[in-house]
Amino acid sequence: MVININLDKAAGELEVQELEAPNGVASPHVYERLLAIYLCQNDLCNAKFLWKRIPASVKTAAPELASIWAVGQQMWKRDFPAIYNALNSVTWSENVADIMREVQEITRLRAVDLITRAYSSISLDAVAHMTGLTSDVANKACSEKGWQIEADTNIVHPVRSSTVIIGQNSSEDQLYRLTDFVSFLEN
């Protein structure tokens, strides 16, 4: 994917800037973009380690860093409504606005993928909460995907697509799935 390749390249360049920074402390803009890119890539482990190594003085000088990390914390919890609240509660600076819009779109795609794979029926309100859309927009989006919607009960019946591309899975996601599978086999 072109977006992932560009983000990988940008992340690599930002990581080099961080390593080569005078006194080992990069500018707040470098940390903001790198943290946002990690979230966009769903690389929550690297995002967490970056947050831990950012000096406290930089965190206090750049309050947007805390806002970006607030999104990351909700992503870590997989709390979709809280992710959208954290994303929409801030007017993002020009430095990260494009990346944070991409984070929101990718999060929405992940939610749709989850709904498609996990549910045979789900309420329209739950779809709206998981995708960060209003009920009307969620209704229209479900119809466009070919999902059946019961008008009287507002129950949505997702239809699995043959291929759903949602980007890279982080190693944390893979480990979580493996743990679930092993737990299932043991029980």
C-alpha atoms as a PDB file:
ATOM      1  CA  MET A   1       0.000   0.000   0.000  1.00  0.00           C
ATOM      2  CA  VAL A   2       1.279   3.467  -0.896  1.00  0.00           C
ATOM      3  CA  ILE A   3       0.140   5.008   2.392  1.00  0.00           C
ATOM      4  CA  ASN A   4       1.929   2.377   4.492  1.00  0.00           C
ATOM      5  CA  ILE A   5       5.115   2.710   2.443  1.00  0.00           C
ATOM      6  CA  ASN A   6       5.075   6.501   2.846  1.00  0.00           C
ATOM      7  CA  LEU A   7       4.373   6.198   6.571  1.00  0.00           C
ATOM      8  CA  ASP A   8       7.144   3.632   6.982  1.00  0.00           C
ATOM      9  CA  LYS A   9       9.561   5.943   5.208  1.00  0.00           C
ATOM     10  CA  ALA A  10       8.432   8.964   7.254  1.00  0.00           C
ATOM     11  CA  ALA A  11       8.694   6.985  10.501  1.00  0.00           C
ATOM     12  CA  GLY A  12      12.199   5.892   9.577  1.00  0.00           C
ATOM     13  CA  GLU A  13      13.257   9.465   8.842  1.00  0.00           C
ATOM     14  CA  LEU A  14      11.745  10.712  12.110  1.00  0.00           C
ATOM     15  CA  GLU A  15      13.439   7.936  14.075  1.00  0.00           C
ATOM     16  CA  VAL A  16      16.788   8.997  12.572  1.00  0.00           C
ATOM     17  CA  GLN A  17      16.053  12.631  13.496  1.00  0.00           C
ATOM     18  CA  GLU A  18      15.339  11.541  17.044  1.00  0.00           C
ATOM     19  CA  LEU A  19      18.566   9.541  17.255  1.00  0.00           C
ATOM     20  CA  GLU A  20      20.675  12.347  15.788  1.00  0.00           C
ATOM     21  CA  ALA A  21      19.091  15.135  17.837  1.00  0.00           C
ATOM     22  CA  PRO A  22      21.441  17.288  19.885  1.00  0.00           C
ATOM     23  CA  ASN A  23      21.586  16.107  23.505  1.00  0.00           C
ATOM     24  CA  GLY A  24      19.353  13.181  22.501  1.00  0.00           C
ATOM     25  CA  VAL A  25      16.190  15.300  22.607  1.00  0.00           C
ATOM     26  CA  ALA A  26      14.333  15.899  19.353  1.00  0.00           C
ATOM     27  CA  SER A  27      11.920  18.742  18.694  1.00  0.00           C
ATOM     28  CA  PRO A  28       8.298  18.330  19.822  1.00  0.00           C
ATOM     29  CA  HIS A  29       7.203  18.228  16.159  1.00  0.00           C
ATOM     30  CA  VAL A  30       9.339  15.138  15.568  1.00  0.00           C
ATOM     31  CA  TYR A  31       7.829  13.359  18.564  1.00  0.00           C
ATOM     32  CA  GLU A  32       4.281  14.408  17.620  1.00  0.00           C
ATOM     33  CA  ARG A  33       4.559  13.142  14.049  1.00  0.00           C
ATOM     34  CA  LEU A  34       6.323   9.927  15.041  1.00  0.00           C
ATOM     35  CA  LEU A  35       3.758   9.137  17.743  1.00  0.00           C
ATOM     36  CA  ALA A  36       0.900   9.865  15.318  1.00  0.00           C
ATOM     37  CA  ILE A  37       2.472   7.642  12.644  1.00  0.00           C
ATOM     38  CA  TYR A  38       2.862   4.780  15.112  1.00  0.00           C
ATOM     39  CA  LEU A  39      -0.849   5.095  15.946  1.00  0.00           C
ATOM     40  CA  CYS A  40      -1.738   5.181  12.257  1.00  0.00           C
ATOM     41  CA  GLN A  41       0.229   1.967  11.759  1.00  0.00           C
ATOM     42  CA  ASN A  42      -1.438   0.453  14.846  1.00  0.00           C
ATOM     43  CA  ASP A  43       2.063  -0.028  16.241  1.00  0.00           C
ATOM     44  CA  LEU A  44       0.985   0.509  19.815  1.00  0.00           C
ATOM     45  CA  CYS A  45       4.077  -1.044  21.363  1.00  0.00           C
ATOM     46  CA  ASN A  46       6.419   1.419  19.644  1.00  0.00           C
ATOM     47  CA  ALA A  47       4.002   4.239  20.449  1.00  0.00           C
ATOM     48  CA  LYS A  48       4.082   3.312  24.128  1.00  0.00           C
ATOM     49  CA  PHE A  49       7.883   3.093  24.220  1.00  0.00           C
ATOM     50  CA  LEU A  50       8.183   6.419  22.404  1.00  0.00           C
ATOM     51  CA  TRP A  51       5.845   8.036  24.942  1.00  0.00           C
ATOM     52  CA  LYS A  52       7.943   6.674  27.799  1.00  0.00           C
ATOM     53  CA  ARG A  53      11.217   8.006  26.379  1.00  0.00           C
ATOM     54  CA  ILE A  54       9.972  11.505  25.548  1.00  0.00           C
ATOM     55  CA  PRO A  55      11.420  13.838  28.186  1.00  0.00           C
ATOM     56  CA  ALA A  56       8.884  15.340  30.600  1.00  0.00           C
ATOM     57  CA  SER A  57      10.019  18.839  29.619  1.00  0.00           C
ATOM     58  CA  VAL A  58       9.009  18.166  25.992  1.00  0.00           C
ATOM     59  CA  LYS A  59       5.669  16.700  27.073  1.00  0.00           C
ATOM     60  CA  THR A  60       4.801  19.827  29.053  1.00  0.00           C
ATOM     61  CA  ALA A  61       6.047  22.166  26.302  1.00  0.00           C
ATOM     62  CA  ALA A  62       3.908  20.411  23.666  1.00  0.00           C
ATOM     63  CA  PRO A  63       0.413  19.671  25.013  1.00  0.00           C
ATOM     64  CA  GLU A  64      -0.624  18.137  21.675  1.00  0.00           C
ATOM     65  CA  LEU A  65       1.646  15.189  22.497  1.00  0.00           C
ATOM     66  CA  ALA A  66      -0.608  14.324  25.434  1.00  0.00           C
ATOM     67  CA  SER A  67      -3.655  14.538  23.151  1.00  0.00           C
ATOM     68  CA  ILE A  68      -2.066  12.178  20.641  1.00  0.00           C
ATOM     69  CA  TRP A  69      -1.147   9.777  23.427  1.00  0.00           C
ATOM     70  CA  ALA A  70      -4.735   9.963  24.771  1.00  0.00           C
ATOM     71  CA  VAL A  71      -5.851   8.519  21.427  1.00  0.00           C
ATOM     72  CA  GLY A  72      -3.175   5.823  21.743  1.00  0.00           C
ATOM     73  CA  GLN A  73      -4.337   4.872  25.226  1.00  0.00           C
ATOM     74  CA  GLN A  74      -7.877   4.344  23.966  1.00  0.00           C
ATOM     75  CA  MET A  75      -6.562   2.336  21.009  1.00  0.00           C
ATOM     76  CA  TRP A  76      -4.678   0.162  23.472  1.00  0.00           C
ATOM     77  CA  LYS A  77      -7.965  -0.505  25.313  1.00  0.00           C
ATOM     78  CA  ARG A  78      -9.783  -1.070  21.987  1.00  0.00           C
ATOM     79  CA  ASP A  79     -12.492   1.333  23.154  1.00  0.00           C
ATOM     80  CA  PHE A  80     -13.806   2.591  19.815  1.00  0.00           C
ATOM     81  CA  PRO A  81     -16.169   5.311  21.106  1.00  0.00           C
ATOM     82  CA  ALA A  82     -13.404   6.682  23.356  1.00  0.00           C
ATOM     83  CA  ILE A  83     -10.956   6.669  20.421  1.00  0.00           C
ATOM     84  CA  TYR A  84     -13.321   8.841  18.367  1.00  0.00           C
ATOM     85  CA  ASN A  85     -13.953  11.134  21.357  1.00  0.00           C
ATOM     86  CA  ALA A  86     -10.207  11.603  21.837  1.00  0.00           C
ATOM     87  CA  LEU A  87      -9.717  12.214  18.114  1.00  0.00           C
ATOM     88  CA  ASN A  88     -12.553  14.738  17.883  1.00  0.00           C
ATOM     89  CA  SER A  89     -11.870  16.592  21.136  1.00  0.00           C
ATOM     90  CA  VAL A  90      -8.823  18.367  19.700  1.00  0.00           C
ATOM     91  CA  THR A  91      -8.216  20.665  16.774  1.00  0.00           C
ATOM     92  CA  TRP A  92      -5.044  19.072  15.451  1.00  0.00           C
ATOM     93  CA  SER A  93      -2.139  21.218  14.357  1.00  0.00           C
ATOM     94  CA  GLU A  94      -1.002  21.245  10.764  1.00  0.00           C
ATOM     95  CA  ASN A  95       1.924  19.055  11.857  1.00  0.00           C
ATOM     96  CA  VAL A  96      -0.277  16.009  12.587  1.00  0.00           C
ATOM     97  CA  ALA A  97      -3.765  16.798  11.248  1.00  0.00           C
ATOM     98  CA  ASP A  98      -3.411  14.656   8.119  1.00  0.00           C
ATOM     99  CA  ILE A  99      -2.057  11.702  10.085  1.00  0.00           C
ATOM    100  CA  MET A 100      -4.763  11.934  12.754  1.00  0.00           C
ATOM    101  CA  ARG A 101      -7.463  11.988  10.046  1.00  0.00           C
ATOM    102  CA  GLU A 102      -5.880   8.813   8.696  1.00  0.00           C
ATOM    103  CA  VAL A 103      -5.872   7.307  12.205  1.00  0.00           C
ATOM    104  CA  GLN A 104      -9.610   7.986  12.409  1.00  0.00           C
ATOM    105  CA  GLU A 105     -10.293   6.439   9.005  1.00  0.00           C
ATOM    106  CA  ILE A 106      -8.167   3.369   9.689  1.00  0.00           C
ATOM    107  CA  THR A 107      -9.822   2.933  13.091  1.00  0.00           C
ATOM    108  CA  ARG A 108     -13.210   3.078  11.400  1.00  0.00           C
ATOM    109  CA  LEU A 109     -12.094   0.449   8.854  1.00  0.00           C
ATOM    110  CA  ARG A 110     -10.892  -1.797  11.687  1.00  0.00           C
ATOM    111  CA  ALA A 111     -14.250  -1.412  13.436  1.00  0.00           C
ATOM    112  CA  VAL A 112     -16.130  -2.313  10.258  1.00  0.00           C
ATOM    113  CA  ASP A 113     -13.850  -5.320   9.777  1.00  0.00           C
ATOM    114  CA  LEU A 114     -14.485  -6.399  13.368  1.00  0.00           C
ATOM    115  CA  ILE A 115     -18.244  -6.047  12.919  1.00  0.00           C
ATOM    116  CA  THR A 116     -18.079  -8.000   9.671  1.00  0.00           C
ATOM    117  CA  ARG A 117     -16.116 -10.866  11.207  1.00  0.00           C
ATOM    118  CA  ALA A 118     -17.673 -10.994  14.681  1.00  0.00           C
ATOM    119  CA  TYR A 119     -21.388 -10.343  14.278  1.00  0.00           C
ATOM    120  CA  SER A 120     -24.219 -12.009  12.437  1.00  0.00           C
ATOM    121  CA  SER A 121     -26.535  -9.311  13.798  1.00  0.00           C
ATOM    122  CA  ILE A 122     -25.885  -6.107  15.698  1.00  0.00           C
ATOM    123  CA  SER A 123     -27.934  -3.047  16.572  1.00  0.00           C
ATOM    124  CA  LEU A 124     -27.559   0.032  14.412  1.00  0.00           C
ATOM    125  CA  ASP A 125     -26.690   2.047  17.525  1.00  0.00           C
ATOM    126  CA  ALA A 126     -23.796  -0.325  18.280  1.00  0.00           C
ATOM    127  CA  VAL A 127     -22.543   0.046  14.702  1.00  0.00           C
ATOM    128  CA  ALA A 128     -22.729   3.823  15.070  1.00  0.00           C
ATOM    129  CA  HIS A 129     -20.766   3.740  18.352  1.00  0.00           C
ATOM    130  CA  MET A 130     -18.100   1.411  16.984  1.00  0.00           C
ATOM    131  CA  THR A 131     -17.597   3.454  13.823  1.00  0.00           C
ATOM    132  CA  GLY A 132     -17.900   6.913  15.334  1.00  0.00           C
ATOM    133  CA  LEU A 133     -20.735   7.817  12.975  1.00  0.00           C
ATOM    134  CA  THR A 134     -24.200   9.168  13.614  1.00  0.00           C
ATOM    135  CA  SER A 135     -27.038   6.635  13.336  1.00  0.00           C
ATOM    136  CA  ASP A 136     -28.201   8.146  10.029  1.00  0.00           C
ATOM    137  CA  VAL A 137     -24.732   7.999   8.478  1.00  0.00           C
ATOM    138  CA  ALA A 138     -24.155   4.495   9.866  1.00  0.00           C
ATOM    139  CA  ASN A 139     -27.501   3.396   8.381  1.00  0.00           C
ATOM    140  CA  LYS A 140     -26.497   4.742   4.981  1.00  0.00           C
ATOM    141  CA  ALA A 141     -23.007   3.183   5.212  1.00  0.00           C
ATOM    142  CA  CYS A 142     -24.472  -0.211   6.129  1.00  0.00           C
ATOM    143  CA  SER A 143     -26.861  -0.037   3.180  1.00  0.00           C
ATOM    144  CA  GLU A 144     -23.997   0.874   0.846  1.00  0.00           C
ATOM    145  CA  LYS A 145     -22.052  -2.174   2.058  1.00  0.00           C
ATOM    146  CA  GLY A 146     -25.040  -4.358   1.207  1.00  0.00           C
ATOM    147  CA  TRP A 147     -25.793  -5.185   4.829  1.00  0.00           C
ATOM    148  CA  GLN A 148     -29.421  -5.985   5.567  1.00  0.00           C
ATOM    149  CA  ILE A 149     -31.129  -3.633   8.027  1.00  0.00           C
ATOM    150  CA  GLU A 150     -34.399  -4.531   9.710  1.00  0.00           C
ATOM    151  CA  ALA A 151     -36.399  -1.295   9.636  1.00  0.00           C
ATOM    152  CA  ASP A 152     -38.627  -2.113  12.615  1.00  0.00           C
ATOM    153  CA  THR A 153     -35.866  -3.197  15.027  1.00  0.00           C
ATOM    154  CA  ASN A 154     -32.819  -1.368  13.577  1.00  0.00           C
ATOM    155  CA  ILE A 155     -30.882  -4.628  13.630  1.00  0.00           C
ATOM    156  CA  VAL A 156     -28.065  -4.840  11.094  1.00  0.00           C
ATOM    157  CA  HIS A 157     -26.995  -8.133   9.512  1.00  0.00           C
ATOM    158  CA  PRO A 158     -23.419  -7.692   8.259  1.00  0.00           C
ATOM    159  CA  VAL A 159     -22.334  -9.564   5.159  1.00  0.00           C
ATOM    160  CA  ARG A 160     -18.819 -10.932   5.122  1.00  0.00           C
ATOM    161  CA  SER A 161     -16.775  -9.805   2.189  1.00  0.00           C
ATOM    162  CA  SER A 162     -14.315 -12.158   0.568  1.00  0.00           C
ATOM    163  CA  THR A 163     -11.348  -9.859   1.256  1.00  0.00           C
ATOM    164  CA  VAL A 164     -11.034  -7.112   3.806  1.00  0.00           C
ATOM    165  CA  ILE A 165      -7.781  -5.180   3.861  1.00  0.00           C
ATOM    166  CA  ILE A 166      -7.219  -3.173   7.027  1.00  0.00           C
ATOM    167  CA  GLY A 167      -3.483  -2.661   6.976  1.00  0.00           C
ATOM    168  CA  GLN A 168      -0.782  -4.309   8.988  1.00  0.00           C
ATOM    169  CA  ASN A 169      -1.450  -6.244  12.156  1.00  0.00           C
ATOM    170  CA  SER A 170       0.848  -5.360  14.986  1.00  0.00           C
ATOM    171  CA  SER A 171       2.808  -8.050  16.749  1.00  0.00           C
ATOM    172  CA  GLU A 172       0.698  -7.269  19.817  1.00  0.00           C
ATOM    173  CA  ASP A 173      -2.489  -8.129  17.856  1.00  0.00           C
ATOM    174  CA  GLN A 174      -0.940 -11.346  16.565  1.00  0.00           C
ATOM    175  CA  LEU A 175       0.137 -12.349  20.079  1.00  0.00           C
ATOM    176  CA  TYR A 176      -3.350 -11.576  21.406  1.00  0.00           C
ATOM    177  CA  ARG A 177      -4.952 -13.775  18.723  1.00  0.00           C
ATOM    178  CA  LEU A 178      -2.507 -16.602  19.373  1.00  0.00           C
ATOM    179  CA  THR A 179      -3.190 -16.406  23.112  1.00  0.00           C
ATOM    180  CA  ASP A 180      -6.954 -16.529  22.497  1.00  0.00           C
ATOM    181  CA  PHE A 181      -6.539 -19.533  20.209  1.00  0.00           C
ATOM    182  CA  VAL A 182      -4.364 -21.451  22.693  1.00  0.00           C
ATOM    183  CA  SER A 183      -6.784 -20.600  25.500  1.00  0.00           C
ATOM    184  CA  PHE A 184      -9.656 -21.873  23.351  1.00  0.00           C
ATOM    185  CA  LEU A 185      -7.827 -25.145  22.660  1.00  0.00           C
ATOM    186  CA  GLU A 186      -7.038 -25.667  26.346  1.00  0.00           C
ATOM    187  CA  ASN A 187     -10.652 -25.224  27.344  1.00  0.00           C
END
